[in-house]
Amino acid sequence: MDFELTAEQVQLKDSVRRYMTKRVAPIISDYEKREEFAWELIPELKQFGYLGGMLPEEDGGMGLVISTMPC
């Protein structure tokens, strides 16, 4: 079994890391102190495909399926 990331996965990982470092890290502790959620980040996360992962592709999702089999 190959556990190496594909070039596309590496690119996504690097993009997410840059986004989190630049956009999320500077503000998240203030939200946590206030016990609030940073709702303004939700639309921004669309670019990474983190929203609607289990929605069918024809509905704009990624069509991901979560296995119900025990680990």
N, C-alpha and C. Protein backbone atom coordinates (compact mmCIF):
# COMPACT_ATOMS: atom_id res chain seq x y z
N MET A 1 0.85 -1.17 0.00
CA MET A 1 0.00 0.00 0.00
C MET A 1 0.89 1.24 0.00
N ASP A 2 0.58 2.19 -0.87
CA ASP A 2 1.37 3.41 -1.02
C ASP A 2 0.78 4.51 -0.15
N PHE A 3 1.57 5.02 0.79
CA PHE A 3 1.11 6.06 1.70
C PHE A 3 1.66 7.44 1.35
N GLU A 4 2.33 7.55 0.23
CA GLU A 4 2.87 8.84 -0.21
C GLU A 4 1.74 9.70 -0.76
N LEU A 5 1.83 11.00 -0.50
CA LEU A 5 0.84 11.92 -1.05
C LEU A 5 1.11 12.14 -2.53
N THR A 6 0.03 12.31 -3.28
CA THR A 6 0.18 12.66 -4.68
C THR A 6 0.60 14.12 -4.77
N ALA A 7 1.03 14.55 -5.94
CA ALA A 7 1.43 15.94 -6.14
C ALA A 7 0.24 16.86 -5.84
N GLU A 8 -0.95 16.46 -6.24
CA GLU A 8 -2.15 17.26 -5.99
C GLU A 8 -2.44 17.37 -4.49
N GLN A 9 -2.26 16.27 -3.76
CA GLN A 9 -2.47 16.29 -2.31
C GLN A 9 -1.45 17.16 -1.60
N VAL A 10 -0.21 17.11 -2.05
CA VAL A 10 0.84 17.96 -1.46
C VAL A 10 0.52 19.42 -1.70
N GLN A 11 0.06 19.74 -2.91
CA GLN A 11 -0.29 21.12 -3.23
C GLN A 11 -1.44 21.60 -2.35
N LEU A 12 -2.46 20.76 -2.15
CA LEU A 12 -3.58 21.13 -1.29
C LEU A 12 -3.12 21.31 0.15
N LYS A 13 -2.31 20.40 0.64
CA LYS A 13 -1.79 20.50 2.01
C LYS A 13 -1.02 21.80 2.21
N ASP A 14 -0.17 22.14 1.26
CA ASP A 14 0.62 23.37 1.35
C ASP A 14 -0.27 24.61 1.29
N SER A 15 -1.29 24.58 0.43
CA SER A 15 -2.21 25.71 0.33
C SER A 15 -2.99 25.91 1.62
N VAL A 16 -3.45 24.81 2.19
CA VAL A 16 -4.20 24.90 3.44
C VAL A 16 -3.31 25.41 4.57
N ARG A 17 -2.08 24.94 4.62
CA ARG A 17 -1.15 25.39 5.66
C ARG A 17 -0.91 26.90 5.55
N ARG A 18 -0.70 27.39 4.32
CA ARG A 18 -0.48 28.84 4.13
C ARG A 18 -1.73 29.63 4.55
N TYR A 19 -2.91 29.14 4.17
CA TYR A 19 -4.16 29.82 4.53
C TYR A 19 -4.32 29.86 6.05
N MET A 20 -4.12 28.73 6.70
CA MET A 20 -4.30 28.67 8.15
C MET A 20 -3.31 29.58 8.87
N THR A 21 -2.09 29.60 8.41
CA THR A 21 -1.06 30.45 9.02
C THR A 21 -1.37 31.93 8.83
N LYS A 22 -1.80 32.28 7.63
CA LYS A 22 -2.03 33.69 7.31
C LYS A 22 -3.37 34.20 7.82
N ARG A 23 -4.43 33.41 7.67
CA ARG A 23 -5.77 33.91 7.92
C ARG A 23 -6.37 33.45 9.25
N VAL A 24 -6.17 32.20 9.62
CA VAL A 24 -6.84 31.65 10.81
C VAL A 24 -6.02 31.87 12.08
N ALA A 25 -4.76 31.53 12.06
CA ALA A 25 -3.94 31.63 13.27
C ALA A 25 -3.99 32.99 13.95
N PRO A 26 -3.95 34.10 13.20
CA PRO A 26 -3.96 35.41 13.87
C PRO A 26 -5.26 35.76 14.59
N ILE A 27 -6.37 35.13 14.24
CA ILE A 27 -7.66 35.53 14.83
C ILE A 27 -8.30 34.49 15.73
N ILE A 28 -7.89 33.25 15.62
CA ILE A 28 -8.66 32.17 16.25
C ILE A 28 -8.66 32.23 17.78
N SER A 29 -7.58 32.65 18.40
CA SER A 29 -7.56 32.66 19.86
C SER A 29 -8.57 33.67 20.42
N ASP A 30 -8.76 34.80 19.73
CA ASP A 30 -9.77 35.77 20.17
C ASP A 30 -11.17 35.16 20.12
N TYR A 31 -11.46 34.43 19.05
CA TYR A 31 -12.76 33.77 18.95
C TYR A 31 -12.93 32.72 20.05
N GLU A 32 -11.89 31.97 20.31
CA GLU A 32 -11.97 30.94 21.35
C GLU A 32 -12.19 31.57 22.73
N LYS A 33 -11.52 32.68 23.01
CA LYS A 33 -11.71 33.36 24.29
C LYS A 33 -13.15 33.83 24.47
N ARG A 34 -13.74 34.30 23.37
CA ARG A 34 -15.13 34.77 23.42
C ARG A 34 -16.14 33.63 23.26
N GLU A 35 -15.62 32.41 23.06
CA GLU A 35 -16.46 31.23 22.82
C GLU A 35 -17.41 31.47 21.65
N GLU A 36 -16.85 32.01 20.58
CA GLU A 36 -17.60 32.28 19.35
C GLU A 36 -16.97 31.50 18.20
N PHE A 37 -17.73 31.39 17.14
CA PHE A 37 -17.27 30.71 15.94
C PHE A 37 -16.95 31.76 14.87
N ALA A 38 -15.89 31.59 14.14
CA ALA A 38 -15.47 32.54 13.10
C ALA A 38 -16.22 32.25 11.81
N TRP A 39 -17.48 32.64 11.78
CA TRP A 39 -18.35 32.35 10.64
C TRP A 39 -17.83 32.92 9.33
N GLU A 40 -17.11 34.02 9.38
CA GLU A 40 -16.64 34.64 8.14
C GLU A 40 -15.63 33.76 7.40
N LEU A 41 -15.08 32.76 8.09
CA LEU A 41 -14.12 31.88 7.45
C LEU A 41 -14.80 30.82 6.58
N ILE A 42 -16.06 30.54 6.83
CA ILE A 42 -16.75 29.47 6.12
C ILE A 42 -16.70 29.65 4.60
N PRO A 43 -17.10 30.80 4.07
CA PRO A 43 -17.03 30.95 2.60
C PRO A 43 -15.61 30.79 2.06
N GLU A 44 -14.63 31.19 2.84
CA GLU A 44 -13.24 31.08 2.38
C GLU A 44 -12.79 29.63 2.29
N LEU A 45 -13.34 28.77 3.12
CA LEU A 45 -12.93 27.36 3.13
C LEU A 45 -13.42 26.59 1.91
N LYS A 46 -14.38 27.15 1.19
CA LYS A 46 -14.88 26.49 -0.02
C LYS A 46 -13.76 26.21 -1.02
N GLN A 47 -12.81 27.13 -1.10
CA GLN A 47 -11.73 26.98 -2.09
C GLN A 47 -10.92 25.71 -1.88
N PHE A 48 -10.94 25.17 -0.67
CA PHE A 48 -10.17 23.96 -0.38
C PHE A 48 -11.01 22.70 -0.46
N GLY A 49 -12.30 22.85 -0.69
CA GLY A 49 -13.17 21.69 -0.80
C GLY A 49 -13.56 21.09 0.54
N TYR A 50 -13.44 21.86 1.62
CA TYR A 50 -13.77 21.33 2.93
C TYR A 50 -15.25 21.41 3.27
N LEU A 51 -16.00 22.09 2.44
CA LEU A 51 -17.43 22.20 2.71
C LEU A 51 -18.18 21.35 1.69
N GLY A 52 -19.18 20.65 2.15
CA GLY A 52 -19.98 19.84 1.25
C GLY A 52 -19.28 18.60 0.76
N GLY A 53 -18.34 18.10 1.54
CA GLY A 53 -17.59 16.92 1.13
C GLY A 53 -18.46 15.72 0.83
N MET A 54 -19.53 15.55 1.60
CA MET A 54 -20.38 14.39 1.38
C MET A 54 -21.57 14.69 0.47
N LEU A 55 -21.68 15.92 -0.01
CA LEU A 55 -22.73 16.23 -0.98
C LEU A 55 -22.38 15.59 -2.31
N PRO A 56 -23.38 15.16 -3.06
CA PRO A 56 -23.09 14.62 -4.39
C PRO A 56 -22.42 15.66 -5.28
N GLU A 57 -21.57 15.21 -6.18
CA GLU A 57 -20.87 16.13 -7.07
C GLU A 57 -21.83 16.97 -7.89
N GLU A 58 -22.96 16.38 -8.30
CA GLU A 58 -23.92 17.14 -9.11
C GLU A 58 -24.57 18.27 -8.33
N ASP A 59 -24.44 18.25 -7.00
CA ASP A 59 -24.97 19.33 -6.16
C ASP A 59 -23.87 20.26 -5.68
N GLY A 60 -22.68 20.15 -6.27
CA GLY A 60 -21.58 21.03 -5.91
C GLY A 60 -20.66 20.49 -4.83
N GLY A 61 -20.91 19.27 -4.38
CA GLY A 61 -20.07 18.65 -3.36
C GLY A 61 -18.94 17.84 -3.97
N MET A 62 -18.28 17.09 -3.10
CA MET A 62 -17.16 16.27 -3.56
C MET A 62 -17.53 14.80 -3.68
N GLY A 63 -18.72 14.43 -3.24
CA GLY A 63 -19.17 13.05 -3.37
C GLY A 63 -18.40 12.08 -2.50
N LEU A 64 -17.84 12.56 -1.38
CA LEU A 64 -17.08 11.67 -0.50
C LEU A 64 -18.03 10.73 0.24
N VAL A 65 -17.57 9.53 0.48
CA VAL A 65 -18.35 8.55 1.21
C VAL A 65 -17.57 8.16 2.45
N ILE A 66 -18.25 8.19 3.59
CA ILE A 66 -17.61 7.77 4.83
C ILE A 66 -17.97 6.32 5.08
N SER A 67 -16.97 5.51 5.27
CA SER A 67 -17.19 4.08 5.49
C SER A 67 -17.88 3.88 6.84
N THR A 68 -18.81 2.95 6.87
CA THR A 68 -19.48 2.60 8.12
C THR A 68 -18.86 1.36 8.74
N MET A 69 -17.81 0.85 8.11
CA MET A 69 -17.15 -0.34 8.64
C MET A 69 -16.26 0.06 9.82
N PRO A 70 -16.25 -0.77 10.87
CA PRO A 70 -15.38 -0.46 12.01
C PRO A 70 -13.90 -0.55 11.62
N CYS A 71 -13.08 0.22 12.28
CA CYS A 71 -11.64 0.22 12.02
C CYS A 71 -10.99 -0.98 12.62
